[in-house]
Structures are given as C-alpha cells and as structure tokens.
Protein backbone atom coordinates (compact mmCIF):
# COMPACT_ATOMS: atom_id res chain seq x y z
CA MET A 1 16.20 -14.45 -41.69
CA PRO A 2 15.77 -17.86 -42.62
CA GLN A 3 11.91 -18.90 -43.75
CA PRO A 4 9.94 -21.94 -41.78
CA ILE A 5 9.51 -25.41 -44.42
CA ALA A 6 6.70 -27.22 -43.36
CA TYR A 7 7.90 -30.77 -44.12
CA LEU A 8 5.09 -33.50 -43.73
CA ASN A 9 4.99 -36.98 -43.68
CA PHE A 10 3.16 -39.38 -44.94
CA ASN A 11 2.18 -43.18 -44.41
CA GLY A 12 3.26 -44.61 -47.72
CA ASN A 13 1.37 -42.31 -50.02
CA CYS A 14 4.01 -39.07 -50.18
CA ALA A 15 4.64 -38.76 -53.73
CA GLU A 16 0.32 -39.09 -54.39
CA ALA A 17 -0.07 -36.02 -51.83
CA MET A 18 2.41 -34.64 -53.56
CA ARG A 19 1.52 -34.27 -56.75
CA PHE A 20 -2.11 -33.98 -55.62
CA TYR A 21 -1.22 -30.36 -53.93
CA GLU A 22 1.33 -29.73 -57.45
CA ARG A 23 -1.86 -29.50 -59.07
CA VAL A 24 -4.53 -27.45 -56.51
CA LEU A 25 -1.95 -25.54 -54.89
CA ASN A 26 -0.40 -24.46 -58.73
CA GLY A 27 2.90 -25.95 -57.55
CA LYS A 28 6.12 -26.63 -58.99
CA LEU A 29 7.17 -30.45 -57.91
CA GLU A 30 10.92 -30.09 -57.75
CA LYS A 31 12.13 -32.79 -55.93
CA LEU A 32 10.36 -36.64 -55.64
CA ILE A 33 13.49 -39.24 -54.54
CA HIS A 34 12.62 -42.26 -53.35
CA ALA A 35 14.56 -44.11 -51.55
CA LYS A 36 16.44 -46.79 -54.41
CA ASP A 37 17.21 -43.43 -56.17
CA SER A 38 18.91 -41.62 -53.25
CA PRO A 39 22.69 -41.30 -52.43
CA TRP A 40 21.79 -43.86 -49.64
CA ALA A 41 20.32 -46.88 -51.92
CA ASP A 42 22.67 -49.29 -50.93
CA GLN A 43 21.79 -48.97 -46.93
CA MET A 44 17.37 -48.62 -47.82
CA PRO A 45 16.08 -52.34 -46.33
CA ALA A 46 14.59 -53.33 -49.98
CA ASP A 47 10.88 -53.55 -49.14
CA GLN A 48 11.52 -49.58 -48.51
CA GLY A 49 12.95 -48.82 -52.19
CA ASP A 50 9.62 -46.93 -53.56
CA MET A 51 9.82 -44.91 -50.16
CA VAL A 52 9.55 -41.10 -50.58
CA MET A 53 12.28 -39.88 -48.73
CA HIS A 54 12.55 -36.52 -50.08
CA ALA A 55 10.00 -34.10 -51.82
CA CYS A 56 9.91 -30.22 -52.80
CA LEU A 57 7.17 -28.76 -53.70
CA ALA A 58 7.49 -24.64 -55.42
CA LEU A 59 4.91 -22.45 -54.54
CA ASP A 60 3.59 -18.94 -55.76
CA GLY A 61 5.72 -16.16 -54.04
CA ASN A 62 9.08 -18.68 -53.05
CA GLY A 63 7.00 -20.92 -50.44
CA LEU A 64 8.76 -24.36 -50.24
CA LEU A 65 6.69 -27.03 -48.74
CA TYR A 66 8.63 -30.26 -48.60
CA GLY A 67 7.04 -33.71 -47.61
CA GLY A 68 8.60 -37.58 -47.39
CA ASP A 69 7.09 -40.79 -46.57
CA CYS A 70 7.36 -41.99 -43.07
CA PRO A 71 10.34 -44.68 -41.78
CA GLY A 72 9.55 -47.52 -42.34
CA GLN A 73 11.50 -48.44 -38.50
CA MET A 74 9.01 -45.63 -37.21
CA PRO A 75 5.24 -45.47 -36.73
CA TYR A 76 3.02 -43.22 -38.75
CA GLU A 77 1.27 -40.97 -36.33
CA GLY A 78 -0.39 -38.22 -38.13
CA ILE A 79 -0.09 -34.79 -38.44
CA LYS A 80 -0.86 -33.42 -34.87
CA GLY A 81 -1.05 -29.54 -33.90
CA VAL A 82 -0.86 -27.45 -36.80
CA SER A 83 -2.45 -26.33 -39.77
CA LEU A 84 -1.10 -24.95 -43.01
CA THR A 85 -2.59 -21.74 -43.65
CA LEU A 86 -2.73 -20.17 -46.96
CA ASN A 87 -4.16 -16.28 -47.92
CA TYR A 88 -5.58 -15.38 -50.87
CA ASP A 89 -6.45 -12.43 -53.11
CA THR A 90 -9.59 -13.13 -53.68
CA VAL A 91 -12.76 -14.52 -52.98
CA GLU A 92 -12.62 -17.11 -56.10
CA GLU A 93 -9.94 -18.89 -55.11
CA ALA A 94 -9.57 -19.56 -51.93
CA GLN A 95 -13.20 -21.07 -52.35
CA ARG A 96 -11.97 -23.26 -55.54
CA VAL A 97 -8.51 -23.97 -52.93
CA PHE A 98 -10.75 -25.52 -50.09
CA ASP A 99 -12.61 -27.38 -52.69
CA SER A 100 -10.34 -29.72 -54.13
CA LEU A 101 -8.36 -29.49 -50.71
CA ALA A 102 -11.50 -30.99 -49.34
CA ALA A 103 -12.20 -32.92 -51.64
CA GLY A 104 -12.59 -36.70 -49.84
CA GLY A 105 -11.30 -35.18 -46.96
CA THR A 106 -12.89 -33.51 -44.19
CA ILE A 107 -14.55 -30.01 -43.48
CA ALA A 108 -13.91 -28.99 -39.56
CA MET A 109 -14.87 -25.25 -40.64
CA ALA A 110 -16.99 -24.78 -44.08
CA MET A 111 -15.95 -21.31 -45.86
CA GLN A 112 -17.69 -17.89 -44.10
CA PRO A 113 -16.80 -14.49 -43.46
CA SER A 114 -14.35 -13.43 -40.01
CA PHE A 115 -13.24 -10.68 -39.14
CA TRP A 116 -9.43 -11.32 -40.33
CA ALA A 117 -11.10 -11.98 -43.93
CA LYS A 118 -14.15 -11.79 -46.60
CA THR A 119 -13.92 -15.89 -46.22
CA TRP A 120 -12.43 -18.63 -44.61
CA GLY A 121 -12.41 -22.41 -43.56
CA MET A 122 -10.84 -25.57 -42.10
CA LEU A 123 -9.78 -28.78 -43.52
CA VAL A 124 -8.51 -31.98 -43.00
CA ASP A 125 -7.51 -33.64 -46.96
CA ARG A 126 -7.48 -37.21 -47.73
CA PHE A 127 -4.21 -37.25 -46.65
CA GLY A 128 -4.71 -36.20 -43.09
CA THR A 129 -3.05 -32.93 -43.99
CA PRO A 130 -4.52 -29.68 -41.49
CA TRP A 131 -5.56 -26.70 -43.61
CA ILE A 132 -6.62 -22.86 -43.51
CA VAL A 133 -7.36 -21.69 -46.42
CA ASN A 134 -8.44 -17.36 -46.25
CA GLY A 135 -9.90 -14.98 -49.11
CA GLU A 136 -8.88 -11.20 -49.00
CA MET A 137 -7.34 -10.30 -45.93
CA LEU A 138 -8.68 -7.30 -43.54
CA PRO A 139 -6.89 -4.89 -41.89
CA TYR A 140 -7.50 -6.23 -38.62
C-alpha cells in the first residue's frame, strides 16, 4: 500500500528549509537537486538555476519528506489547510523538536497535556510549515 509523503513547496528557500529539517529531525538529506543540475537544465530560465526542483529527506522509521521551490511562473501561496504531525516516544524528545521548529516561527498552541498524548503543541516554523508535535502517545 502506498504511504503518503508530504511534498512541501517553498518560496526560494527550500535548500535552507530542508537542511534545517535534516538537523532538527535527525534526518538524512538524500537528494537536493537544483534546476541547473537537473536533466531539464537546458529548458529552465537562467534566473531559476538555483531553484530546488526536488529534495528528499529520509527520516527514522522509513518516513520521507519531499520539497521543492515553487517555479517562478507559479505564484507561491504558502502551505494551507494541512499540518505535519510528529509523534515522539518521550516528552523530552517532543519538547526538543518543538522548541527547535518553533525558533523564529510562531507557536499556535504551547506544549501541554492532552487526552491523546502526555504532551502536544502546534506551531508554524520560520519557513511557513505548520507542525503538530506529540510526545508519549496515550491510549484513548
């Protein structure tokens, strides 16, 4: 069965965002392909050569996160109507990731207890990506 993979669009800062996620989420950036290095390089406008066409971040547990810069001919509208959710085994790890993602972003809901996890919180990071972070899931 196919597993859904989030594909995030960025406004020219995909490489910076994916390197940040690599560090914060302890992932491995497996691909970071710029337009000038792609098989379509000769078809791309010269001013879009540094645009990231595709990035792939591998996460623990076989998770993947894809990303790319919004092409110049398409207006960037941000990420709307979705949040990426991360579940951690410990409150401490959830808090560490939450704090790291929140740096320079906006906290929508501070970490706090809930009926589904010992702690959870919501934020939008400095790249405009909405996150929900859970620590120590509870049976409900």
